[in-house]
């Protein structure tokens, strides 16, 4: 299992889109590719998707290293067990098919 400080570094590098940092972290400990942030449980891949720079390249590195694209953060994981799935957009009131 990834050490908390090392996982935090990976999350930080993913957030800013620093590909070399992400690669270095994964090379040191490949198990951290699916680690979670401490507060909401976001994975490095989820964080990288919102990076302002190098998001696509950072995500490619994480996916190549085995990141799980189906990972859910803690809130969504809990809600998926307690709430019904959302309606498709086409079934929402006022939606028109084009």
C-alpha atoms as a PDB file:
ATOM      1  CA  UNK A   1       0.000   0.000   0.000  1.00  0.00           C
ATOM      2  CA  UNK A   2       1.202   3.503  -0.820  1.00  0.00           C
ATOM      3  CA  UNK A   3       2.492   5.656   2.015  1.00  0.00           C
ATOM      4  CA  UNK A   4       0.215   8.651   2.730  1.00  0.00           C
ATOM      5  CA  UNK A   5       2.918  11.271   2.082  1.00  0.00           C
ATOM      6  CA  UNK A   6       3.938   9.663  -1.226  1.00  0.00           C
ATOM      7  CA  UNK A   7       0.293   9.412  -2.313  1.00  0.00           C
ATOM      8  CA  UNK A   8      -0.212  13.066  -1.388  1.00  0.00           C
ATOM      9  CA  UNK A   9       2.765  13.989  -3.594  1.00  0.00           C
ATOM     10  CA  UNK A  10       1.297  12.061  -6.527  1.00  0.00           C
ATOM     11  CA  UNK A  11      -2.067  13.791  -6.081  1.00  0.00           C
ATOM     12  CA  UNK A  12      -0.297  17.177  -5.947  1.00  0.00           C
ATOM     13  CA  UNK A  13       1.674  16.501  -9.136  1.00  0.00           C
ATOM     14  CA  UNK A  14      -1.468  15.269 -10.893  1.00  0.00           C
ATOM     15  CA  UNK A  15      -3.355  18.408  -9.838  1.00  0.00           C
ATOM     16  CA  UNK A  16      -0.796  20.754 -11.374  1.00  0.00           C
ATOM     17  CA  UNK A  17      -0.185  18.525 -14.403  1.00  0.00           C
ATOM     18  CA  UNK A  18       3.504  17.902 -13.671  1.00  0.00           C
ATOM     19  CA  UNK A  19       4.052  14.789 -15.783  1.00  0.00           C
ATOM     20  CA  UNK A  20       7.646  14.240 -14.635  1.00  0.00           C
ATOM     21  CA  UNK A  21       6.521  14.302 -10.988  1.00  0.00           C
ATOM     22  CA  UNK A  22       3.697  11.850 -11.652  1.00  0.00           C
ATOM     23  CA  UNK A  23       6.060   9.530 -13.521  1.00  0.00           C
ATOM     24  CA  UNK A  24       8.663   9.737 -10.740  1.00  0.00           C
ATOM     25  CA  UNK A  25       6.117   8.890  -8.040  1.00  0.00           C
ATOM     26  CA  UNK A  26       4.797   5.918  -9.986  1.00  0.00           C
ATOM     27  CA  UNK A  27       8.319   4.637 -10.661  1.00  0.00           C
ATOM     28  CA  UNK A  28       9.070   4.738  -6.916  1.00  0.00           C
ATOM     29  CA  UNK A  29       5.831   2.978  -5.950  1.00  0.00           C
ATOM     30  CA  UNK A  30       3.538   1.674  -8.723  1.00  0.00           C
ATOM     31  CA  UNK A  31       0.844   0.741  -6.172  1.00  0.00           C
ATOM     32  CA  UNK A  32       0.001   4.383  -5.543  1.00  0.00           C
ATOM     33  CA  UNK A  33      -1.506   4.864  -9.014  1.00  0.00           C
ATOM     34  CA  UNK A  34      -4.947   4.111  -7.515  1.00  0.00           C
ATOM     35  CA  UNK A  35      -4.381   5.788  -4.148  1.00  0.00           C
ATOM     36  CA  UNK A  36      -7.012   8.169  -2.823  1.00  0.00           C
ATOM     37  CA  UNK A  37      -6.769  11.692  -1.511  1.00  0.00           C
ATOM     38  CA  UNK A  38      -7.552  11.890   2.167  1.00  0.00           C
ATOM     39  CA  UNK A  39     -10.612  14.153   2.218  1.00  0.00           C
ATOM     40  CA  UNK A  40     -12.926  13.170  -0.634  1.00  0.00           C
ATOM     41  CA  UNK A  41     -11.204  10.060  -1.874  1.00  0.00           C
ATOM     42  CA  UNK A  42     -10.305  11.332  -5.340  1.00  0.00           C
ATOM     43  CA  UNK A  43      -7.861   9.229  -7.321  1.00  0.00           C
ATOM     44  CA  UNK A  44      -4.830  10.737  -9.074  1.00  0.00           C
ATOM     45  CA  UNK A  45      -6.629  10.140 -12.392  1.00  0.00           C
ATOM     46  CA  UNK A  46      -9.676  12.142 -11.277  1.00  0.00           C
ATOM     47  CA  UNK A  47      -7.452  14.951 -10.042  1.00  0.00           C
ATOM     48  CA  UNK A  48      -5.424  14.949 -13.274  1.00  0.00           C
ATOM     49  CA  UNK A  49      -8.632  15.374 -15.289  1.00  0.00           C
ATOM     50  CA  UNK A  50      -9.060  18.798 -13.723  1.00  0.00           C
ATOM     51  CA  UNK A  51      -5.435  19.904 -14.135  1.00  0.00           C
ATOM     52  CA  UNK A  52      -5.018  23.242 -15.876  1.00  0.00           C
ATOM     53  CA  UNK A  53      -1.903  22.082 -17.747  1.00  0.00           C
ATOM     54  CA  UNK A  54      -0.959  18.755 -19.317  1.00  0.00           C
ATOM     55  CA  UNK A  55      -4.202  17.068 -18.228  1.00  0.00           C
ATOM     56  CA  UNK A  56      -4.356  14.654 -21.172  1.00  0.00           C
ATOM     57  CA  UNK A  57      -0.685  13.687 -20.963  1.00  0.00           C
ATOM     58  CA  UNK A  58      -0.868  13.224 -17.186  1.00  0.00           C
ATOM     59  CA  UNK A  59      -3.971  11.063 -17.554  1.00  0.00           C
ATOM     60  CA  UNK A  60      -2.275   8.953 -20.238  1.00  0.00           C
ATOM     61  CA  UNK A  61       0.682   8.299 -17.924  1.00  0.00           C
ATOM     62  CA  UNK A  62      -1.656   7.283 -15.091  1.00  0.00           C
ATOM     63  CA  UNK A  63      -3.771   5.032 -17.316  1.00  0.00           C
ATOM     64  CA  UNK A  64      -0.670   3.368 -18.770  1.00  0.00           C
ATOM     65  CA  UNK A  65       0.466   2.668 -15.202  1.00  0.00           C
ATOM     66  CA  UNK A  66      -2.845   0.952 -14.404  1.00  0.00           C
ATOM     67  CA  UNK A  67      -5.053   3.719 -13.010  1.00  0.00           C
ATOM     68  CA  UNK A  68      -8.677   2.609 -12.674  1.00  0.00           C
ATOM     69  CA  UNK A  69     -10.909   4.822 -14.865  1.00  0.00           C
ATOM     70  CA  UNK A  70     -14.017   3.538 -13.027  1.00  0.00           C
ATOM     71  CA  UNK A  71     -12.810   4.721  -9.615  1.00  0.00           C
ATOM     72  CA  UNK A  72     -15.426   6.646  -7.644  1.00  0.00           C
ATOM     73  CA  UNK A  73     -14.688   9.243  -5.005  1.00  0.00           C
ATOM     74  CA  UNK A  74     -15.994   8.523  -1.506  1.00  0.00           C
ATOM     75  CA  UNK A  75     -19.138  10.667  -1.817  1.00  0.00           C
ATOM     76  CA  UNK A  76     -20.219   9.084  -5.103  1.00  0.00           C
ATOM     77  CA  UNK A  77     -19.471   5.607  -3.806  1.00  0.00           C
ATOM     78  CA  UNK A  78     -21.699   6.207  -0.766  1.00  0.00           C
ATOM     79  CA  UNK A  79     -24.443   7.871  -2.812  1.00  0.00           C
ATOM     80  CA  UNK A  80     -24.468   5.067  -5.370  1.00  0.00           C
ATOM     81  CA  UNK A  81     -25.398   2.664  -2.570  1.00  0.00           C
ATOM     82  CA  UNK A  82     -28.070   4.885  -1.028  1.00  0.00           C
ATOM     83  CA  UNK A  83     -29.639   6.744  -3.950  1.00  0.00           C
ATOM     84  CA  UNK A  84     -31.099   5.578  -7.227  1.00  0.00           C
ATOM     85  CA  UNK A  85     -29.037   6.305 -10.343  1.00  0.00           C
ATOM     86  CA  UNK A  86     -29.766   9.621 -12.093  1.00  0.00           C
ATOM     87  CA  UNK A  87     -32.217   9.744 -14.954  1.00  0.00           C
ATOM     88  CA  UNK A  88     -30.831   9.935 -18.460  1.00  0.00           C
ATOM     89  CA  UNK A  89     -30.917  13.510 -19.785  1.00  0.00           C
ATOM     90  CA  UNK A  90     -33.499  12.539 -22.394  1.00  0.00           C
ATOM     91  CA  UNK A  91     -35.988  11.676 -19.620  1.00  0.00           C
ATOM     92  CA  UNK A  92     -35.661  14.930 -17.725  1.00  0.00           C
ATOM     93  CA  UNK A  93     -38.587  17.365 -17.962  1.00  0.00           C
ATOM     94  CA  UNK A  94     -38.260  19.891 -20.763  1.00  0.00           C
ATOM     95  CA  UNK A  95     -35.556  18.018 -22.654  1.00  0.00           C
ATOM     96  CA  UNK A  96     -36.074  17.893 -26.377  1.00  0.00           C
ATOM     97  CA  UNK A  97     -34.476  15.353 -28.627  1.00  0.00           C
ATOM     98  CA  UNK A  98     -32.721  17.019 -31.526  1.00  0.00           C
END
